[in-house]
């Protein structure tokens, strides 16, 4: 991304809460055996801990993993590429608005949000956000009370509303 915005501003960074006044965020412990690999992914609650969505999951997400800011990291990770620390308490958006990375499909205002339940290639991770049911409905699961708030930017980042 350059410094000039020719057509529109970027939609945000995956995991960023976009409307703080309308958001409910809880602090929860991540299950170290099932850690999230990036912020902005849906997570579920299992045995009192957060964990990533799993293959063939039909569970509804408890919330979305929030990117903390400011934060201290041991390495210089690129903006939007930080990896959540599974040993730390994590923030989870249980109601509100957030920027997520749309993996596939064309997100549109009030469009249904889905998460991936099948890993079809190494770069297509389970739990990633999608904008359509796909060619096979068995590869993703719709998220109840979750809608897109508009179209994605050139990097695929788009705002969602969850449990609002």
N, C-alpha and C. Protein backbone atom coordinates (compact mmCIF):
# COMPACT_ATOMS: atom_id res chain seq x y z
N UNK A 1 0.85 -1.16 0.00
CA UNK A 1 0.00 0.00 0.00
C UNK A 1 0.89 1.23 0.00
N UNK A 2 0.62 2.14 -0.90
CA UNK A 2 1.40 3.37 -0.99
C UNK A 2 0.83 4.45 -0.10
N UNK A 3 1.38 5.64 -0.24
CA UNK A 3 0.92 6.76 0.57
C UNK A 3 -0.21 7.55 -0.08
N UNK A 4 -0.47 7.34 -1.36
CA UNK A 4 -1.55 8.04 -2.05
C UNK A 4 -2.78 7.15 -2.14
N UNK A 5 -3.92 7.70 -1.79
CA UNK A 5 -5.18 6.97 -1.88
C UNK A 5 -5.93 7.52 -3.08
N UNK A 6 -5.85 6.82 -4.20
CA UNK A 6 -6.43 7.29 -5.45
C UNK A 6 -7.95 7.17 -5.46
N UNK A 7 -8.48 6.02 -5.01
CA UNK A 7 -9.92 5.79 -5.08
C UNK A 7 -10.61 5.80 -3.73
N UNK A 8 -10.04 5.16 -2.74
CA UNK A 8 -10.65 5.15 -1.41
C UNK A 8 -9.62 4.82 -0.35
N UNK A 9 -9.93 5.18 0.88
CA UNK A 9 -9.06 4.86 2.01
C UNK A 9 -9.13 3.36 2.28
N UNK A 10 -8.07 2.78 2.84
CA UNK A 10 -8.14 1.38 3.24
C UNK A 10 -9.25 1.18 4.28
N UNK A 11 -9.86 0.01 4.28
CA UNK A 11 -10.97 -0.27 5.19
C UNK A 11 -10.49 -0.48 6.62
N UNK A 12 -9.23 -0.76 6.81
CA UNK A 12 -8.70 -0.98 8.15
C UNK A 12 -7.74 -2.14 8.18
N UNK A 13 -7.42 -2.58 9.38
CA UNK A 13 -6.49 -3.69 9.60
C UNK A 13 -7.30 -4.82 10.23
N UNK A 14 -7.15 -6.05 9.74
CA UNK A 14 -7.91 -7.16 10.32
C UNK A 14 -7.75 -7.25 11.84
N UNK A 15 -8.89 -7.32 12.52
CA UNK A 15 -8.88 -7.41 13.98
C UNK A 15 -9.11 -6.09 14.67
N UNK A 16 -9.09 -4.96 13.92
CA UNK A 16 -9.34 -3.66 14.53
C UNK A 16 -10.83 -3.44 14.75
N UNK A 17 -11.19 -2.98 15.94
CA UNK A 17 -12.56 -2.59 16.23
C UNK A 17 -12.78 -1.24 15.57
N UNK A 18 -13.86 -1.12 14.80
CA UNK A 18 -14.07 0.10 14.02
C UNK A 18 -15.01 1.11 14.67
N UNK A 19 -15.91 0.68 15.48
CA UNK A 19 -16.84 1.60 16.15
C UNK A 19 -16.85 1.25 17.64
N UNK A 20 -15.94 1.85 18.37
CA UNK A 20 -15.73 1.49 19.78
C UNK A 20 -16.96 1.73 20.65
N UNK A 21 -17.70 2.80 20.36
CA UNK A 21 -18.85 3.13 21.21
C UNK A 21 -19.96 2.09 21.14
N UNK A 22 -19.99 1.28 20.09
CA UNK A 22 -21.05 0.28 19.92
C UNK A 22 -20.54 -1.14 20.15
N UNK A 23 -19.36 -1.29 20.74
CA UNK A 23 -18.74 -2.61 20.85
C UNK A 23 -18.72 -3.14 22.27
N UNK A 24 -18.84 -4.46 22.37
CA UNK A 24 -18.67 -5.15 23.64
C UNK A 24 -17.51 -6.11 23.46
N UNK A 25 -16.48 -5.93 24.27
CA UNK A 25 -15.26 -6.73 24.16
C UNK A 25 -14.99 -7.38 25.51
N UNK A 26 -14.71 -8.67 25.48
CA UNK A 26 -14.38 -9.41 26.69
C UNK A 26 -12.93 -9.90 26.62
N UNK A 27 -12.34 -10.11 27.78
CA UNK A 27 -11.01 -10.70 27.87
C UNK A 27 -11.19 -12.17 28.22
N UNK A 28 -10.57 -13.02 27.41
CA UNK A 28 -10.68 -14.46 27.62
C UNK A 28 -9.31 -15.10 27.39
N UNK A 29 -9.12 -16.28 27.96
CA UNK A 29 -7.88 -17.02 27.79
C UNK A 29 -7.96 -17.89 26.55
N UNK A 30 -6.92 -17.88 25.73
CA UNK A 30 -6.84 -18.70 24.52
C UNK A 30 -6.36 -20.10 24.89
N UNK A 31 -6.96 -21.11 24.31
CA UNK A 31 -6.52 -22.50 24.48
C UNK A 31 -5.22 -22.65 23.70
N UNK A 32 -4.12 -22.89 24.38
CA UNK A 32 -2.81 -22.97 23.73
C UNK A 32 -2.69 -24.14 22.77
N UNK A 33 -3.57 -25.14 22.91
CA UNK A 33 -3.54 -26.28 21.98
C UNK A 33 -4.25 -25.96 20.66
N UNK A 34 -5.07 -24.92 20.65
CA UNK A 34 -5.82 -24.52 19.44
C UNK A 34 -5.71 -23.00 19.26
N UNK A 35 -4.50 -22.48 19.08
CA UNK A 35 -4.32 -21.02 19.04
C UNK A 35 -4.75 -20.41 17.70
N UNK A 36 -5.14 -19.16 17.75
CA UNK A 36 -5.45 -18.42 16.53
C UNK A 36 -4.15 -17.97 15.88
N UNK A 37 -4.13 -17.92 14.56
CA UNK A 37 -2.92 -17.54 13.84
C UNK A 37 -2.92 -16.08 13.41
N UNK A 38 -4.09 -15.42 13.49
CA UNK A 38 -4.16 -14.01 13.14
C UNK A 38 -5.37 -13.37 13.79
N UNK A 39 -5.36 -12.05 13.84
CA UNK A 39 -6.47 -11.30 14.43
C UNK A 39 -7.60 -11.15 13.42
N UNK A 40 -8.82 -10.98 13.93
CA UNK A 40 -9.99 -10.82 13.07
C UNK A 40 -10.66 -12.12 12.71
N UNK A 41 -10.18 -13.24 13.23
CA UNK A 41 -10.79 -14.54 12.95
C UNK A 41 -11.89 -14.84 13.97
N UNK A 42 -12.92 -15.59 13.55
CA UNK A 42 -13.92 -16.01 14.53
C UNK A 42 -13.32 -17.07 15.46
N UNK A 43 -13.72 -17.01 16.72
CA UNK A 43 -13.27 -17.99 17.71
C UNK A 43 -14.49 -18.51 18.45
N UNK A 44 -14.36 -19.71 19.01
CA UNK A 44 -15.45 -20.29 19.78
C UNK A 44 -14.96 -20.54 21.20
N UNK A 45 -15.91 -20.77 22.10
CA UNK A 45 -15.60 -21.06 23.50
C UNK A 45 -15.74 -22.56 23.71
N UNK A 46 -14.71 -23.18 24.29
CA UNK A 46 -14.74 -24.60 24.57
C UNK A 46 -14.01 -24.85 25.89
N UNK A 47 -14.68 -25.47 26.82
CA UNK A 47 -14.12 -25.74 28.15
C UNK A 47 -13.57 -24.48 28.81
N UNK A 48 -14.27 -23.37 28.62
CA UNK A 48 -13.90 -22.12 29.27
C UNK A 48 -12.75 -21.37 28.63
N UNK A 49 -12.29 -21.82 27.45
CA UNK A 49 -11.19 -21.13 26.76
C UNK A 49 -11.57 -20.88 25.30
N UNK A 50 -10.95 -19.85 24.74
CA UNK A 50 -11.15 -19.57 23.32
C UNK A 50 -10.34 -20.53 22.48
N UNK A 51 -10.90 -20.92 21.35
CA UNK A 51 -10.14 -21.71 20.39
C UNK A 51 -10.61 -21.36 18.99
N UNK A 52 -9.76 -21.64 18.01
CA UNK A 52 -10.11 -21.36 16.63
C UNK A 52 -11.19 -22.32 16.16
N UNK A 53 -11.87 -21.93 15.11
CA UNK A 53 -12.86 -22.80 14.51
C UNK A 53 -12.13 -23.99 13.91
N UNK A 54 -12.76 -25.16 13.91
CA UNK A 54 -12.11 -26.38 13.47
C UNK A 54 -12.73 -26.92 12.19
N UNK A 55 -12.05 -27.88 11.60
CA UNK A 55 -12.53 -28.50 10.37
C UNK A 55 -13.91 -29.13 10.60
N UNK A 56 -14.80 -28.93 9.61
CA UNK A 56 -16.16 -29.45 9.65
C UNK A 56 -16.98 -28.90 10.81
N UNK A 57 -16.57 -27.76 11.37
CA UNK A 57 -17.30 -27.13 12.47
C UNK A 57 -18.67 -26.67 12.01
N UNK A 58 -19.65 -26.83 12.87
CA UNK A 58 -20.97 -26.25 12.63
C UNK A 58 -21.32 -25.29 13.77
N UNK A 59 -20.36 -25.07 14.68
CA UNK A 59 -20.57 -24.17 15.82
C UNK A 59 -20.63 -22.73 15.35
N UNK A 60 -21.37 -21.93 16.09
CA UNK A 60 -21.38 -20.49 15.84
C UNK A 60 -20.25 -19.87 16.65
N UNK A 61 -19.60 -18.85 16.10
CA UNK A 61 -18.52 -18.21 16.83
C UNK A 61 -19.01 -17.52 18.11
N UNK A 62 -18.15 -17.53 19.12
CA UNK A 62 -18.40 -16.78 20.35
C UNK A 62 -18.14 -15.30 20.08
N UNK A 63 -17.17 -15.06 19.20
CA UNK A 63 -16.80 -13.69 18.86
C UNK A 63 -15.65 -13.68 17.87
N UNK A 64 -15.02 -12.52 17.72
CA UNK A 64 -13.90 -12.34 16.81
C UNK A 64 -12.70 -11.82 17.58
N UNK A 65 -11.53 -12.34 17.26
CA UNK A 65 -10.30 -11.97 17.97
C UNK A 65 -9.89 -10.54 17.64
N UNK A 66 -9.74 -9.71 18.68
CA UNK A 66 -9.44 -8.29 18.54
C UNK A 66 -7.94 -8.07 18.55
N UNK A 67 -7.48 -7.25 17.63
CA UNK A 67 -6.07 -6.85 17.57
C UNK A 67 -5.82 -5.80 18.66
N UNK A 68 -4.91 -6.08 19.60
CA UNK A 68 -4.63 -5.10 20.65
C UNK A 68 -3.73 -3.98 20.12
N UNK A 69 -4.01 -2.78 20.57
CA UNK A 69 -3.16 -1.65 20.20
C UNK A 69 -3.19 -0.66 21.34
N UNK A 70 -2.07 -0.13 21.77
CA UNK A 70 -0.73 -0.52 21.32
C UNK A 70 -0.32 -1.83 21.95
N UNK A 71 0.65 -2.47 21.37
CA UNK A 71 1.12 -3.74 21.90
C UNK A 71 2.62 -3.84 21.73
N UNK A 72 3.24 -4.65 22.55
CA UNK A 72 4.67 -4.90 22.46
C UNK A 72 4.86 -6.31 21.91
N UNK A 73 5.63 -6.46 20.86
CA UNK A 73 5.93 -7.78 20.32
C UNK A 73 7.43 -8.00 20.34
N UNK A 74 7.82 -9.26 20.40
CA UNK A 74 9.24 -9.60 20.48
C UNK A 74 9.95 -9.39 19.15
N UNK A 75 9.20 -9.40 18.06
CA UNK A 75 9.82 -9.23 16.74
C UNK A 75 9.13 -8.08 16.01
N UNK A 76 9.72 -7.64 14.94
CA UNK A 76 9.13 -6.58 14.14
C UNK A 76 8.23 -7.20 13.08
N UNK A 77 6.97 -7.42 13.44
CA UNK A 77 6.02 -8.00 12.50
C UNK A 77 5.37 -6.89 11.69
N UNK A 78 5.02 -7.20 10.47
CA UNK A 78 4.38 -6.22 9.61
C UNK A 78 3.00 -5.88 10.13
N UNK A 79 2.54 -4.66 9.84
CA UNK A 79 1.22 -4.21 10.24
C UNK A 79 0.17 -5.12 9.62
N UNK A 80 -0.71 -5.66 10.46
CA UNK A 80 -1.75 -6.56 9.98
C UNK A 80 -1.30 -8.01 9.89
N UNK A 81 -0.04 -8.29 10.21
CA UNK A 81 0.48 -9.65 10.10
C UNK A 81 0.86 -10.23 11.47
N UNK A 82 0.51 -9.54 12.55
CA UNK A 82 0.88 -10.00 13.88
C UNK A 82 0.19 -11.31 14.22
N UNK A 83 0.87 -12.15 14.97
CA UNK A 83 0.34 -13.44 15.41
C UNK A 83 -0.04 -13.33 16.88
N UNK A 84 -1.28 -13.67 17.24
CA UNK A 84 -1.69 -13.61 18.65
C UNK A 84 -0.84 -14.55 19.52
N UNK A 85 -0.54 -14.09 20.71
CA UNK A 85 0.23 -14.88 21.67
C UNK A 85 -0.73 -15.78 22.43
N UNK A 86 -0.62 -17.09 22.23
CA UNK A 86 -1.54 -18.05 22.85
C UNK A 86 -1.38 -18.15 24.36
N UNK A 87 -0.31 -17.58 24.92
CA UNK A 87 -0.10 -17.65 26.36
C UNK A 87 -0.67 -16.44 27.09
N UNK A 88 -1.17 -15.46 26.35
CA UNK A 88 -1.70 -14.23 26.94
C UNK A 88 -3.23 -14.21 26.86
N UNK A 89 -3.84 -13.43 27.73
CA UNK A 89 -5.28 -13.22 27.65
C UNK A 89 -5.56 -12.42 26.39
N UNK A 90 -6.60 -12.81 25.67
CA UNK A 90 -6.95 -12.17 24.40
C UNK A 90 -8.26 -11.40 24.53
N UNK A 91 -8.39 -10.33 23.73
CA UNK A 91 -9.64 -9.60 23.64
C UNK A 91 -10.48 -10.23 22.55
N UNK A 92 -11.78 -10.39 22.82
CA UNK A 92 -12.69 -10.96 21.83
C UNK A 92 -13.92 -10.06 21.72
N UNK A 93 -14.24 -9.70 20.49
CA UNK A 93 -15.42 -8.89 20.21
C UNK A 93 -16.64 -9.80 20.23
N UNK A 94 -17.54 -9.59 21.19
CA UNK A 94 -18.75 -10.40 21.28
C UNK A 94 -19.95 -9.68 20.69
N UNK A 95 -19.82 -8.37 20.46
CA UNK A 95 -20.85 -7.58 19.81
C UNK A 95 -20.22 -6.28 19.33
N UNK A 96 -20.47 -5.94 18.07
CA UNK A 96 -19.94 -4.68 17.57
C UNK A 96 -19.49 -4.76 16.13
N UNK A 97 -18.56 -3.87 15.79
CA UNK A 97 -18.08 -3.71 14.42
C UNK A 97 -16.57 -3.92 14.38
N UNK A 98 -16.09 -4.57 13.32
CA UNK A 98 -14.67 -4.89 13.21
C UNK A 98 -14.26 -5.00 11.74
N UNK A 99 -12.98 -4.76 11.48
CA UNK A 99 -12.43 -5.01 10.16
C UNK A 99 -11.91 -6.44 10.12
N UNK A 100 -12.27 -7.17 9.06
CA UNK A 100 -11.78 -8.54 8.85
C UNK A 100 -11.22 -8.65 7.44
N UNK A 101 -10.50 -9.72 7.21
CA UNK A 101 -9.93 -10.00 5.88
C UNK A 101 -10.87 -10.97 5.17
N UNK A 102 -11.45 -10.54 4.05
CA UNK A 102 -12.35 -11.38 3.27
C UNK A 102 -11.54 -12.26 2.34
N UNK A 103 -11.59 -13.57 2.55
CA UNK A 103 -10.81 -14.53 1.78
C UNK A 103 -11.31 -14.67 0.35
N UNK A 104 -12.63 -14.77 0.17
CA UNK A 104 -13.16 -14.97 -1.18
C UNK A 104 -14.59 -14.47 -1.26
N UNK A 105 -15.08 -14.35 -2.47
CA UNK A 105 -16.42 -13.85 -2.70
C UNK A 105 -16.45 -12.34 -2.73
N UNK A 106 -17.58 -11.81 -3.12
CA UNK A 106 -17.74 -10.36 -3.22
C UNK A 106 -18.60 -9.87 -2.07
N UNK A 107 -17.96 -9.25 -1.10
CA UNK A 107 -18.69 -8.71 0.04
C UNK A 107 -19.50 -7.50 -0.40
N UNK A 108 -20.71 -7.37 0.12
CA UNK A 108 -21.59 -6.26 -0.20
C UNK A 108 -22.35 -5.86 1.06
N UNK A 109 -22.85 -4.64 1.09
CA UNK A 109 -23.63 -4.14 2.22
C UNK A 109 -24.75 -5.11 2.56
N UNK A 110 -24.84 -5.49 3.82
CA UNK A 110 -25.84 -6.42 4.36
C UNK A 110 -25.68 -7.85 3.84
N UNK A 111 -24.54 -8.17 3.23
CA UNK A 111 -24.29 -9.53 2.76
C UNK A 111 -23.96 -10.46 3.92
N UNK A 112 -24.34 -11.72 3.80
CA UNK A 112 -24.09 -12.73 4.83
C UNK A 112 -22.60 -13.02 4.95
N UNK A 113 -22.11 -13.21 6.17
CA UNK A 113 -20.71 -13.54 6.44
C UNK A 113 -20.61 -15.04 6.72
N UNK A 114 -19.61 -15.68 6.13
CA UNK A 114 -19.35 -17.11 6.31
C UNK A 114 -17.92 -17.29 6.84
N UNK A 115 -17.66 -18.45 7.48
CA UNK A 115 -16.28 -18.81 7.81
C UNK A 115 -15.97 -20.16 7.18
N UNK A 116 -14.72 -20.36 6.80
CA UNK A 116 -14.25 -21.55 6.09
C UNK A 116 -14.19 -22.73 7.05
N UNK A 117 -14.72 -23.90 6.61
CA UNK A 117 -14.69 -25.11 7.44
C UNK A 117 -13.84 -26.22 6.82
N UNK A 118 -13.37 -26.03 5.59
CA UNK A 118 -12.52 -27.01 4.91
C UNK A 118 -11.28 -26.31 4.37
N UNK A 119 -10.12 -26.90 4.57
CA UNK A 119 -8.89 -26.34 4.02
C UNK A 119 -8.64 -26.97 2.66
N UNK A 120 -8.89 -26.19 1.61
CA UNK A 120 -8.77 -26.71 0.24
C UNK A 120 -7.39 -26.49 -0.36
N UNK A 121 -6.57 -25.64 0.26
CA UNK A 121 -5.19 -25.43 -0.17
C UNK A 121 -4.41 -24.85 1.02
N UNK A 122 -3.07 -24.85 0.95
CA UNK A 122 -2.28 -24.37 2.10
C UNK A 122 -2.57 -22.93 2.51
N UNK A 123 -2.93 -22.06 1.55
CA UNK A 123 -3.19 -20.66 1.89
C UNK A 123 -4.64 -20.39 2.32
N UNK A 124 -5.50 -21.38 2.18
CA UNK A 124 -6.90 -21.24 2.58
C UNK A 124 -7.08 -21.91 3.95
N UNK A 125 -6.98 -21.12 5.00
CA UNK A 125 -7.03 -21.65 6.35
C UNK A 125 -8.47 -21.76 6.86
N UNK A 126 -8.71 -22.76 7.68
CA UNK A 126 -10.01 -22.93 8.32
C UNK A 126 -10.26 -21.74 9.24
N UNK A 127 -11.49 -21.24 9.22
CA UNK A 127 -11.85 -20.10 10.05
C UNK A 127 -11.78 -18.76 9.35
N UNK A 128 -11.20 -18.71 8.15
CA UNK A 128 -11.11 -17.45 7.42
C UNK A 128 -12.50 -16.99 6.97
N UNK A 129 -12.68 -15.70 6.83
CA UNK A 129 -13.95 -15.10 6.45
C UNK A 129 -14.16 -15.15 4.95
N UNK A 130 -15.40 -15.47 4.53
CA UNK A 130 -15.77 -15.50 3.12
C UNK A 130 -17.10 -14.77 2.94
N UNK A 131 -17.33 -14.31 1.71
CA UNK A 131 -18.53 -13.53 1.42
C UNK A 131 -19.61 -14.32 0.69
N UNK A 132 -19.32 -15.55 0.33
CA UNK A 132 -20.35 -16.34 -0.34
C UNK A 132 -20.30 -17.78 0.13
N UNK A 133 -21.35 -18.50 -0.21
CA UNK A 133 -21.45 -19.89 0.23
C UNK A 133 -20.49 -20.78 -0.54
N UNK A 134 -19.95 -20.29 -1.65
CA UNK A 134 -18.99 -21.05 -2.42
C UNK A 134 -19.64 -22.08 -3.31
N UNK A 135 -18.83 -22.76 -4.08
CA UNK A 135 -19.36 -23.76 -5.00
C UNK A 135 -19.90 -24.97 -4.26
N UNK A 136 -19.36 -25.21 -3.07
CA UNK A 136 -19.84 -26.31 -2.25
C UNK A 136 -20.17 -25.78 -0.86
N UNK A 137 -21.44 -25.81 -0.45
CA UNK A 137 -21.80 -25.29 0.87
C UNK A 137 -21.13 -26.04 2.01
N UNK A 138 -20.54 -27.21 1.72
CA UNK A 138 -19.85 -27.98 2.75
C UNK A 138 -18.50 -27.39 3.14
N UNK A 139 -18.04 -26.37 2.40
CA UNK A 139 -16.72 -25.80 2.70
C UNK A 139 -16.79 -24.60 3.63
N UNK A 140 -17.98 -24.10 3.94
CA UNK A 140 -18.08 -22.99 4.88
C UNK A 140 -19.39 -23.00 5.65
N UNK A 141 -19.46 -22.16 6.67
CA UNK A 141 -20.61 -22.09 7.57
C UNK A 141 -21.02 -20.63 7.72
N UNK A 142 -22.32 -20.34 7.62
CA UNK A 142 -22.77 -18.96 7.81
C UNK A 142 -22.69 -18.60 9.30
N UNK A 143 -22.45 -17.32 9.55
CA UNK A 143 -22.36 -16.82 10.92
C UNK A 143 -23.65 -16.06 11.23
N UNK A 144 -24.38 -16.54 12.22
CA UNK A 144 -25.64 -15.92 12.62
C UNK A 144 -25.39 -14.50 13.13
N UNK A 145 -26.28 -13.57 12.75
CA UNK A 145 -26.20 -12.18 13.20
C UNK A 145 -24.89 -11.50 12.81
N UNK A 146 -24.37 -11.82 11.64
CA UNK A 146 -23.13 -11.21 11.16
C UNK A 146 -23.30 -10.81 9.71
N UNK A 147 -23.12 -9.52 9.42
CA UNK A 147 -23.30 -8.98 8.08
C UNK A 147 -22.12 -8.09 7.69
N UNK A 148 -21.87 -8.02 6.39
CA UNK A 148 -20.88 -7.08 5.88
C UNK A 148 -21.47 -5.68 5.89
N UNK A 149 -20.64 -4.68 6.13
CA UNK A 149 -21.09 -3.30 6.17
C UNK A 149 -20.78 -2.54 4.88
N UNK A 150 -20.20 -3.21 3.91
CA UNK A 150 -19.88 -2.55 2.65
C UNK A 150 -18.99 -3.45 1.80
N UNK A 151 -18.29 -2.83 0.86
CA UNK A 151 -17.40 -3.57 -0.02
C UNK A 151 -15.98 -3.56 0.52
N UNK A 152 -15.17 -4.55 0.17
CA UNK A 152 -13.79 -4.58 0.67
C UNK A 152 -12.89 -3.58 -0.06
N UNK A 153 -11.77 -3.26 0.57
CA UNK A 153 -10.77 -2.42 -0.08
C UNK A 153 -9.91 -3.30 -0.99
N UNK A 154 -8.87 -2.75 -1.58
CA UNK A 154 -8.05 -3.51 -2.54
C UNK A 154 -7.29 -4.66 -1.89
N UNK A 155 -7.14 -4.66 -0.56
CA UNK A 155 -6.47 -5.75 0.15
C UNK A 155 -7.44 -6.81 0.65
N UNK A 156 -8.74 -6.63 0.42
CA UNK A 156 -9.75 -7.59 0.87
C UNK A 156 -10.28 -7.30 2.26
N UNK A 157 -9.86 -6.21 2.89
CA UNK A 157 -10.33 -5.87 4.23
C UNK A 157 -11.69 -5.21 4.14
N UNK A 158 -12.59 -5.63 5.03
CA UNK A 158 -13.97 -5.13 5.01
C UNK A 158 -14.52 -5.09 6.43
N UNK A 159 -15.43 -4.17 6.68
CA UNK A 159 -16.04 -4.04 8.00
C UNK A 159 -17.24 -4.99 8.11
N UNK A 160 -17.38 -5.61 9.27
CA UNK A 160 -18.55 -6.45 9.57
C UNK A 160 -19.23 -5.92 10.82
N UNK A 161 -20.50 -6.30 10.97
CA UNK A 161 -21.18 -6.07 12.25
C UNK A 161 -21.59 -7.44 12.77
N UNK A 162 -21.42 -7.64 14.08
CA UNK A 162 -21.65 -8.94 14.70
C UNK A 162 -22.49 -8.75 15.96
N UNK A 163 -23.61 -9.46 16.04
CA UNK A 163 -24.51 -9.42 17.20
C UNK A 163 -24.95 -8.00 17.56
N UNK A 164 -25.23 -7.18 16.56
CA UNK A 164 -25.68 -5.81 16.82
C UNK A 164 -27.16 -5.73 16.55
